[in-house]
């Protein structure tokens, strides 16, 4: 059940990332990295169990980066982090 919810959250986040406009170079880099990570997970090209530490760290960094300028993105990322935590990652 939790994996299904995580997949739904990843799809939602991917859609949000696609709609987010880049405002500066660093935001563009963070968006690009997240888009790649989430895209691989959504397409199931990567298994979350294999890269959960790196993904969790990148998502945590992104929450802080987007908090002020992109609060919806920050909230979506936090939901994924919460879901990962419930799954034991």
C-alpha atoms as a PDB file:
ATOM      1  CA  UNK A   1       0.000   0.000   0.000  1.00  0.00           C
ATOM      2  CA  UNK A   2       2.734   2.448   0.945  1.00  0.00           C
ATOM      3  CA  UNK A   3       4.678   1.718  -2.256  1.00  0.00           C
ATOM      4  CA  UNK A   4       1.588   2.519  -4.315  1.00  0.00           C
ATOM      5  CA  UNK A   5       1.122   5.807  -2.436  1.00  0.00           C
ATOM      6  CA  UNK A   6       4.798   6.632  -2.956  1.00  0.00           C
ATOM      7  CA  UNK A   7       4.437   5.987  -6.690  1.00  0.00           C
ATOM      8  CA  UNK A   8       1.429   8.338  -6.805  1.00  0.00           C
ATOM      9  CA  UNK A   9       3.396  11.028  -4.952  1.00  0.00           C
ATOM     10  CA  UNK A  10       6.341  10.604  -7.313  1.00  0.00           C
ATOM     11  CA  UNK A  11       4.079  11.079 -10.338  1.00  0.00           C
ATOM     12  CA  UNK A  12       2.578  14.214  -8.759  1.00  0.00           C
ATOM     13  CA  UNK A  13       6.016  15.596  -7.968  1.00  0.00           C
ATOM     14  CA  UNK A  14       7.228  14.870 -11.491  1.00  0.00           C
ATOM     15  CA  UNK A  15       4.277  16.843 -12.871  1.00  0.00           C
ATOM     16  CA  UNK A  16       5.031  19.748 -10.501  1.00  0.00           C
ATOM     17  CA  UNK A  17       8.696  19.729 -11.513  1.00  0.00           C
ATOM     18  CA  UNK A  18       7.765  19.880 -15.189  1.00  0.00           C
ATOM     19  CA  UNK A  19       5.645  22.989 -14.549  1.00  0.00           C
ATOM     20  CA  UNK A  20       8.196  24.828 -12.424  1.00  0.00           C
ATOM     21  CA  UNK A  21       9.988  27.671 -14.130  1.00  0.00           C
ATOM     22  CA  UNK A  22      13.669  28.086 -13.450  1.00  0.00           C
ATOM     23  CA  UNK A  23      14.542  31.397 -11.815  1.00  0.00           C
ATOM     24  CA  UNK A  24      18.278  30.991 -11.306  1.00  0.00           C
ATOM     25  CA  UNK A  25      21.102  28.635 -12.217  1.00  0.00           C
ATOM     26  CA  UNK A  26      21.144  26.719  -8.912  1.00  0.00           C
ATOM     27  CA  UNK A  27      17.370  26.195  -9.003  1.00  0.00           C
ATOM     28  CA  UNK A  28      17.769  24.873 -12.533  1.00  0.00           C
ATOM     29  CA  UNK A  29      20.403  22.395 -11.356  1.00  0.00           C
ATOM     30  CA  UNK A  30      18.269  21.205  -8.449  1.00  0.00           C
ATOM     31  CA  UNK A  31      15.223  20.865 -10.721  1.00  0.00           C
ATOM     32  CA  UNK A  32      17.228  18.938 -13.295  1.00  0.00           C
ATOM     33  CA  UNK A  33      18.581  16.480 -10.726  1.00  0.00           C
ATOM     34  CA  UNK A  34      15.159  15.915  -9.197  1.00  0.00           C
ATOM     35  CA  UNK A  35      13.525  15.473 -12.590  1.00  0.00           C
ATOM     36  CA  UNK A  36      16.046  12.781 -13.473  1.00  0.00           C
ATOM     37  CA  UNK A  37      15.671  10.997 -10.116  1.00  0.00           C
ATOM     38  CA  UNK A  38      11.896  11.090 -10.122  1.00  0.00           C
ATOM     39  CA  UNK A  39      11.617  10.193 -13.803  1.00  0.00           C
ATOM     40  CA  UNK A  40      13.737   7.064 -13.288  1.00  0.00           C
ATOM     41  CA  UNK A  41      11.607   6.056 -10.294  1.00  0.00           C
ATOM     42  CA  UNK A  42       8.312   6.744 -12.059  1.00  0.00           C
ATOM     43  CA  UNK A  43       9.448   4.713 -15.076  1.00  0.00           C
ATOM     44  CA  UNK A  44      10.798   2.089 -12.651  1.00  0.00           C
ATOM     45  CA  UNK A  45      14.246   2.242 -14.237  1.00  0.00           C
ATOM     46  CA  UNK A  46      15.707   2.532 -10.735  1.00  0.00           C
ATOM     47  CA  UNK A  47      14.712   0.618  -7.633  1.00  0.00           C
ATOM     48  CA  UNK A  48      14.240   2.898  -4.638  1.00  0.00           C
ATOM     49  CA  UNK A  49      15.797   0.312  -2.350  1.00  0.00           C
ATOM     50  CA  UNK A  50      19.074   0.655  -4.275  1.00  0.00           C
ATOM     51  CA  UNK A  51      19.435   4.438  -4.064  1.00  0.00           C
ATOM     52  CA  UNK A  52      17.304   5.486  -1.107  1.00  0.00           C
ATOM     53  CA  UNK A  53      20.131   7.191   0.819  1.00  0.00           C
ATOM     54  CA  UNK A  54      21.187   9.398  -2.082  1.00  0.00           C
ATOM     55  CA  UNK A  55      17.614  10.134  -3.062  1.00  0.00           C
ATOM     56  CA  UNK A  56      16.582  10.994   0.486  1.00  0.00           C
ATOM     57  CA  UNK A  57      19.538  13.356   0.811  1.00  0.00           C
ATOM     58  CA  UNK A  58      18.813  15.078  -2.517  1.00  0.00           C
ATOM     59  CA  UNK A  59      15.131  15.430  -1.653  1.00  0.00           C
ATOM     60  CA  UNK A  60      15.979  16.860   1.771  1.00  0.00           C
ATOM     61  CA  UNK A  61      18.286  19.422   0.188  1.00  0.00           C
ATOM     62  CA  UNK A  62      15.596  20.321  -2.339  1.00  0.00           C
ATOM     63  CA  UNK A  63      12.993  20.952   0.374  1.00  0.00           C
ATOM     64  CA  UNK A  64      15.179  23.667   1.856  1.00  0.00           C
ATOM     65  CA  UNK A  65      16.018  25.111  -1.532  1.00  0.00           C
ATOM     66  CA  UNK A  66      12.386  25.411  -2.674  1.00  0.00           C
ATOM     67  CA  UNK A  67      10.718  26.386   0.619  1.00  0.00           C
ATOM     68  CA  UNK A  68      10.550  30.103  -0.036  1.00  0.00           C
ATOM     69  CA  UNK A  69      10.099  30.418  -3.797  1.00  0.00           C
ATOM     70  CA  UNK A  70       8.244  27.190  -4.577  1.00  0.00           C
ATOM     71  CA  UNK A  71       6.266  26.141  -1.490  1.00  0.00           C
ATOM     72  CA  UNK A  72       4.047  23.673  -3.391  1.00  0.00           C
ATOM     73  CA  UNK A  73       7.123  21.855  -4.601  1.00  0.00           C
ATOM     74  CA  UNK A  74       8.605  21.856  -1.128  1.00  0.00           C
ATOM     75  CA  UNK A  75       5.418  20.362   0.329  1.00  0.00           C
ATOM     76  CA  UNK A  76       5.243  17.689  -2.392  1.00  0.00           C
ATOM     77  CA  UNK A  77       8.850  16.705  -1.733  1.00  0.00           C
ATOM     78  CA  UNK A  78       8.211  16.579   2.015  1.00  0.00           C
ATOM     79  CA  UNK A  79       5.292  14.193   1.436  1.00  0.00           C
ATOM     80  CA  UNK A  80       7.630  11.870  -0.449  1.00  0.00           C
ATOM     81  CA  UNK A  81      10.211  12.060   2.336  1.00  0.00           C
ATOM     82  CA  UNK A  82       7.484  11.224   4.876  1.00  0.00           C
ATOM     83  CA  UNK A  83       6.373   8.269   2.773  1.00  0.00           C
ATOM     84  CA  UNK A  84       9.953   7.023   2.461  1.00  0.00           C
ATOM     85  CA  UNK A  85      10.371   7.322   6.233  1.00  0.00           C
ATOM     86  CA  UNK A  86       7.218   5.259   6.830  1.00  0.00           C
ATOM     87  CA  UNK A  87       8.684   2.619   4.511  1.00  0.00           C
ATOM     88  CA  UNK A  88      11.855   2.526   6.568  1.00  0.00           C
ATOM     89  CA  UNK A  89      14.143   4.492   4.250  1.00  0.00           C
END
